[in-house]
C-alpha atoms as a PDB file:
ATOM      1  CA  UNK A   1      30.029  21.074  84.170  1.00  0.00           C
ATOM      2  CA  UNK A   2      30.481  20.928  88.356  1.00  0.00           C
ATOM      3  CA  UNK A   3      33.503  18.812  87.716  1.00  0.00           C
ATOM      4  CA  UNK A   4      34.736  21.588  85.403  1.00  0.00           C
ATOM      5  CA  UNK A   5      34.665  24.147  88.002  1.00  0.00           C
ATOM      6  CA  UNK A   6      35.836  21.748  90.881  1.00  0.00           C
ATOM      7  CA  UNK A   7      38.417  21.062  89.356  1.00  0.00           C
ATOM      8  CA  UNK A   8      39.219  24.459  88.094  1.00  0.00           C
ATOM      9  CA  UNK A   9      39.114  25.834  91.390  1.00  0.00           C
ATOM     10  CA  UNK A  10      41.308  23.286  92.618  1.00  0.00           C
ATOM     11  CA  UNK A  11      43.591  23.952  89.820  1.00  0.00           C
ATOM     12  CA  UNK A  12      44.107  27.766  91.162  1.00  0.00           C
ATOM     13  CA  UNK A  13      44.511  26.848  94.950  1.00  0.00           C
ATOM     14  CA  UNK A  14      47.166  24.668  93.397  1.00  0.00           C
ATOM     15  CA  UNK A  15      48.583  26.931  91.555  1.00  0.00           C
ATOM     16  CA  UNK A  16      48.606  29.622  94.503  1.00  0.00           C
ATOM     17  CA  UNK A  17      50.572  26.737  96.751  1.00  0.00           C
ATOM     18  CA  UNK A  18      53.225  26.337  94.163  1.00  0.00           C
ATOM     19  CA  UNK A  19      53.661  29.866  93.877  1.00  0.00           C
ATOM     20  CA  UNK A  20      53.524  30.381  98.187  1.00  0.00           C
ATOM     21  CA  UNK A  21      55.304  26.822  98.572  1.00  0.00           C
ATOM     22  CA  UNK A  22      58.716  25.664  97.145  1.00  0.00           C
ATOM     23  CA  UNK A  23      57.703  21.692  95.912  1.00  0.00           C
ATOM     24  CA  UNK A  24      60.082  21.835  93.300  1.00  0.00           C
ATOM     25  CA  UNK A  25      57.089  21.429  90.659  1.00  0.00           C
ATOM     26  CA  UNK A  26      54.880  19.054  92.224  1.00  0.00           C
ATOM     27  CA  UNK A  27      52.084  21.039  92.825  1.00  0.00           C
ATOM     28  CA  UNK A  28      52.688  22.993  89.703  1.00  0.00           C
ATOM     29  CA  UNK A  29      52.118  19.722  88.289  1.00  0.00           C
ATOM     30  CA  UNK A  30      49.132  18.899  90.457  1.00  0.00           C
ATOM     31  CA  UNK A  31      47.561  22.238  89.006  1.00  0.00           C
ATOM     32  CA  UNK A  32      48.449  21.412  85.295  1.00  0.00           C
ATOM     33  CA  UNK A  33      46.396  18.217  85.761  1.00  0.00           C
ATOM     34  CA  UNK A  34      43.647  19.785  87.456  1.00  0.00           C
ATOM     35  CA  UNK A  35      43.003  22.798  84.891  1.00  0.00           C
ATOM     36  CA  UNK A  36      43.339  20.290  82.017  1.00  0.00           C
ATOM     37  CA  UNK A  37      40.630  17.761  83.636  1.00  0.00           C
ATOM     38  CA  UNK A  38      38.769  21.005  83.811  1.00  0.00           C
ATOM     39  CA  UNK A  39      39.165  21.899  80.918  1.00  0.00           C
ATOM     40  CA  UNK A  40      38.222  18.411  79.128  1.00  0.00           C
ATOM     41  CA  UNK A  41      34.755  18.025  81.177  1.00  0.00           C
ATOM     42  CA  UNK A  42      34.266  21.946  79.993  1.00  0.00           C
ATOM     43  CA  UNK A  43      34.955  20.445  76.667  1.00  0.00           C
ATOM     44  CA  UNK A  44      32.398  17.708  76.759  1.00  0.00           C
ATOM     45  CA  UNK A  45      29.441  19.685  78.114  1.00  0.00           C
ATOM     46  CA  UNK A  46      29.834  21.857  74.838  1.00  0.00           C
ATOM     47  CA  UNK A  47      31.866  23.842  72.616  1.00  0.00           C
ATOM     48  CA  UNK A  48      30.516  27.000  74.109  1.00  0.00           C
ATOM     49  CA  UNK A  49      31.384  25.859  77.979  1.00  0.00           C
ATOM     50  CA  UNK A  50      34.609  25.105  76.508  1.00  0.00           C
ATOM     51  CA  UNK A  51      36.001  28.088  74.895  1.00  0.00           C
ATOM     52  CA  UNK A  52      34.151  30.115  78.085  1.00  0.00           C
ATOM     53  CA  UNK A  53      36.045  27.963  80.556  1.00  0.00           C
ATOM     54  CA  UNK A  54      39.423  28.416  78.298  1.00  0.00           C
ATOM     55  CA  UNK A  55      39.232  32.411  78.572  1.00  0.00           C
ATOM     56  CA  UNK A  56      38.462  31.755  82.228  1.00  0.00           C
ATOM     57  CA  UNK A  57      41.314  29.648  82.722  1.00  0.00           C
ATOM     58  CA  UNK A  58      43.716  32.391  80.495  1.00  0.00           C
ATOM     59  CA  UNK A  59      42.675  34.868  82.818  1.00  0.00           C
ATOM     60  CA  UNK A  60      42.741  33.557  86.034  1.00  0.00           C
ATOM     61  CA  UNK A  61      45.774  32.097  85.901  1.00  0.00           C
ATOM     62  CA  UNK A  62      47.948  34.849  85.618  1.00  0.00           C
ATOM     63  CA  UNK A  63      45.361  36.936  88.231  1.00  0.00           C
ATOM     64  CA  UNK A  64      46.234  34.148  90.810  1.00  0.00           C
ATOM     65  CA  UNK A  65      50.052  33.740  90.003  1.00  0.00           C
ATOM     66  CA  UNK A  66      50.496  37.918  90.373  1.00  0.00           C
ATOM     67  CA  UNK A  67      48.275  37.489  93.309  1.00  0.00           C
ATOM     68  CA  UNK A  68      50.518  34.647  94.758  1.00  0.00           C
ATOM     69  CA  UNK A  69      53.611  36.725  94.099  1.00  0.00           C
ATOM     70  CA  UNK A  70      52.461  39.810  96.090  1.00  0.00           C
ATOM     71  CA  UNK A  71      51.892  37.935  98.902  1.00  0.00           C
ATOM     72  CA  UNK A  72      54.983  35.690  98.508  1.00  0.00           C
ATOM     73  CA  UNK A  73      57.083  38.211 100.813  1.00  0.00           C
ATOM     74  CA  UNK A  74      54.694  38.177 103.544  1.00  0.00           C
ATOM     75  CA  UNK A  75      55.274  34.410 103.917  1.00  0.00           C
ATOM     76  CA  UNK A  76      57.457  33.209 106.639  1.00  0.00           C
ATOM     77  CA  UNK A  77      59.125  31.212 103.958  1.00  0.00           C
ATOM     78  CA  UNK A  78      59.376  34.432 101.758  1.00  0.00           C
ATOM     79  CA  UNK A  79      60.353  36.590 104.509  1.00  0.00           C
ATOM     80  CA  UNK A  80      63.493  34.438 104.228  1.00  0.00           C
ATOM     81  CA  UNK A  81      64.248  34.416 101.127  1.00  0.00           C
ATOM     82  CA  UNK A  82      63.308  38.046  99.858  1.00  0.00           C
ATOM     83  CA  UNK A  83      65.818  40.940 101.152  1.00  0.00           C
ATOM     84  CA  UNK A  84      64.102  43.749 102.429  1.00  0.00           C
ATOM     85  CA  UNK A  85      66.912  46.336 100.832  1.00  0.00           C
ATOM     86  CA  UNK A  86      67.883  49.665 101.990  1.00  0.00           C
ATOM     87  CA  UNK A  87      65.787  53.185 101.272  1.00  0.00           C
ATOM     88  CA  UNK A  88      66.331  57.092 101.194  1.00  0.00           C
ATOM     89  CA  UNK A  89      64.165  57.301 104.089  1.00  0.00           C
ATOM     90  CA  UNK A  90      65.965  55.149 107.117  1.00  0.00           C
ATOM     91  CA  UNK A  91      69.329  56.892 105.234  1.00  0.00           C
ATOM     92  CA  UNK A  92      71.392  53.268 104.348  1.00  0.00           C
ATOM     93  CA  UNK A  93      71.291  53.924 100.863  1.00  0.00           C
ATOM     94  CA  UNK A  94      72.784  57.202 100.913  1.00  0.00           C
ATOM     95  CA  UNK A  95      76.243  58.131 101.640  1.00  0.00           C
ATOM     96  CA  UNK A  96      76.245  60.781 104.374  1.00  0.00           C
ATOM     97  CA  UNK A  97      79.764  61.867 103.352  1.00  0.00           C
ATOM     98  CA  UNK A  98      77.784  63.657 100.325  1.00  0.00           C
ATOM     99  CA  UNK A  99      75.510  65.666 102.622  1.00  0.00           C
ATOM    100  CA  UNK A 100      77.814  68.546 103.004  1.00  0.00           C
ATOM    101  CA  UNK A 101      78.645  68.749  99.256  1.00  0.00           C
ATOM    102  CA  UNK A 102      76.331  71.216  98.593  1.00  0.00           C
ATOM    103  CA  UNK A 103      78.045  73.999  96.726  1.00  0.00           C
ATOM    104  CA  UNK A 104      81.244  72.955  97.048  1.00  0.00           C
ATOM    105  CA  UNK A 105      84.022  73.385  94.677  1.00  0.00           C
ATOM    106  CA  UNK A 106      86.179  70.685  92.316  1.00  0.00           C
ATOM    107  CA  UNK A 107      87.799  69.651  89.344  1.00  0.00           C
ATOM    108  CA  UNK A 108      86.565  66.977  86.632  1.00  0.00           C
ATOM    109  CA  UNK A 109      88.817  63.847  86.914  1.00  0.00           C
ATOM    110  CA  UNK A 110      87.218  62.160  84.257  1.00  0.00           C
ATOM    111  CA  UNK A 111      84.775  63.758  81.414  1.00  0.00           C
ATOM    112  CA  UNK A 112      81.181  64.156  82.321  1.00  0.00           C
ATOM    113  CA  UNK A 113      78.695  62.348  79.484  1.00  0.00           C
ATOM    114  CA  UNK A 114      77.033  63.816  81.564  1.00  0.00           C
ATOM    115  CA  UNK A 115      78.021  60.831  84.505  1.00  0.00           C
ATOM    116  CA  UNK A 116      81.453  60.785  85.747  1.00  0.00           C
ATOM    117  CA  UNK A 117      84.151  61.159  88.754  1.00  0.00           C
ATOM    118  CA  UNK A 118      85.035  64.465  90.134  1.00  0.00           C
ATOM    119  CA  UNK A 119      87.327  65.510  93.299  1.00  0.00           C
ATOM    120  CA  UNK A 120      85.422  67.285  95.667  1.00  0.00           C
ATOM    121  CA  UNK A 121      86.700  68.050  99.527  1.00  0.00           C
ATOM    122  CA  UNK A 122      89.784  66.004  98.572  1.00  0.00           C
ATOM    123  CA  UNK A 123      88.005  62.881  97.735  1.00  0.00           C
ATOM    124  CA  UNK A 124      86.324  61.437  94.485  1.00  0.00           C
ATOM    125  CA  UNK A 125      82.823  61.430  94.218  1.00  0.00           C
ATOM    126  CA  UNK A 126      80.594  60.265  91.003  1.00  0.00           C
ATOM    127  CA  UNK A 127      79.020  63.106  89.688  1.00  0.00           C
ATOM    128  CA  UNK A 128      76.310  63.796  87.234  1.00  0.00           C
ATOM    129  CA  UNK A 129      75.869  67.263  84.899  1.00  0.00           C
ATOM    130  CA  UNK A 130      72.552  68.491  83.522  1.00  0.00           C
ATOM    131  CA  UNK A 131      73.378  67.136  80.814  1.00  0.00           C
ATOM    132  CA  UNK A 132      75.767  68.841  79.119  1.00  0.00           C
ATOM    133  CA  UNK A 133      79.544  66.919  78.452  1.00  0.00           C
ATOM    134  CA  UNK A 134      82.227  68.315  81.082  1.00  0.00           C
ATOM    135  CA  UNK A 135      85.417  68.159  79.875  1.00  0.00           C
ATOM    136  CA  UNK A 136      88.462  66.736  81.983  1.00  0.00           C
ATOM    137  CA  UNK A 137      90.187  69.030  84.357  1.00  0.00           C
ATOM    138  CA  UNK A 138      87.203  71.334  84.189  1.00  0.00           C
ATOM    139  CA  UNK A 139      85.995  73.726  87.612  1.00  0.00           C
ATOM    140  CA  UNK A 140      83.109  72.419  88.836  1.00  0.00           C
ATOM    141  CA  UNK A 141      80.404  73.252  91.886  1.00  0.00           C
ATOM    142  CA  UNK A 142      77.845  71.101  93.071  1.00  0.00           C
ATOM    143  CA  UNK A 143      74.232  72.562  92.660  1.00  0.00           C
ATOM    144  CA  UNK A 144      71.663  69.721  93.693  1.00  0.00           C
ATOM    145  CA  UNK A 145      72.282  66.223  95.772  1.00  0.00           C
ATOM    146  CA  UNK A 146      69.140  63.864  95.527  1.00  0.00           C
ATOM    147  CA  UNK A 147      69.497  60.711  97.801  1.00  0.00           C
ATOM    148  CA  UNK A 148      72.477  59.718  95.981  1.00  0.00           C
ATOM    149  CA  UNK A 149      72.763  61.502  93.255  1.00  0.00           C
ATOM    150  CA  UNK A 150      75.704  64.353  93.263  1.00  0.00           C
ATOM    151  CA  UNK A 151      75.073  67.210  90.156  1.00  0.00           C
ATOM    152  CA  UNK A 152      77.457  69.359  89.430  1.00  0.00           C
ATOM    153  CA  UNK A 153      77.993  72.522  86.812  1.00  0.00           C
ATOM    154  CA  UNK A 154      80.676  73.929  85.421  1.00  0.00           C
ATOM    155  CA  UNK A 155      82.029  76.752  86.700  1.00  0.00           C
ATOM    156  CA  UNK A 156      81.772  80.079  84.628  1.00  0.00           C
ATOM    157  CA  UNK A 157      85.184  81.710  84.348  1.00  0.00           C
ATOM    158  CA  UNK A 158      84.539  85.663  85.395  1.00  0.00           C
ATOM    159  CA  UNK A 159      87.743  86.890  83.171  1.00  0.00           C
ATOM    160  CA  UNK A 160      86.351  89.429  80.411  1.00  0.00           C
ATOM    161  CA  UNK A 161      88.891  89.075  76.967  1.00  0.00           C
ATOM    162  CA  UNK A 162      92.392  90.843  77.451  1.00  0.00           C
END
């Protein structure tokens, strides 16, 4: 029983090492050998112990892999391999030209279904409607700006029947 526990522990540590250290499968192969060896020793003790080890292995191996993937971006290798990306907080993910569009009026250049293109303040802008289809050539007004999302609605004509 002691060998089974030791081999399972070693296998789990090797699984974690495989996730954190690029070894091209060497550590993963050793981890698999340790885990299979732990299963063999557990089944030799009794079938109930073997089943218990199988269940524990089925829970712990995915948990260790997920934990390793959570830790990976914080490792020296992970910091070089994983891009941090843009966020709305630092402003790099937002087109600063869109900040002055609230209330702007323009013309739809590509039918909104509900996304499309409109000409606003002399430039083409990717816009979305609030769910309705708006045909090409319709006049629209910007009613909402969220991040890089420009929401428009059609301008209602106030002209009554003649």
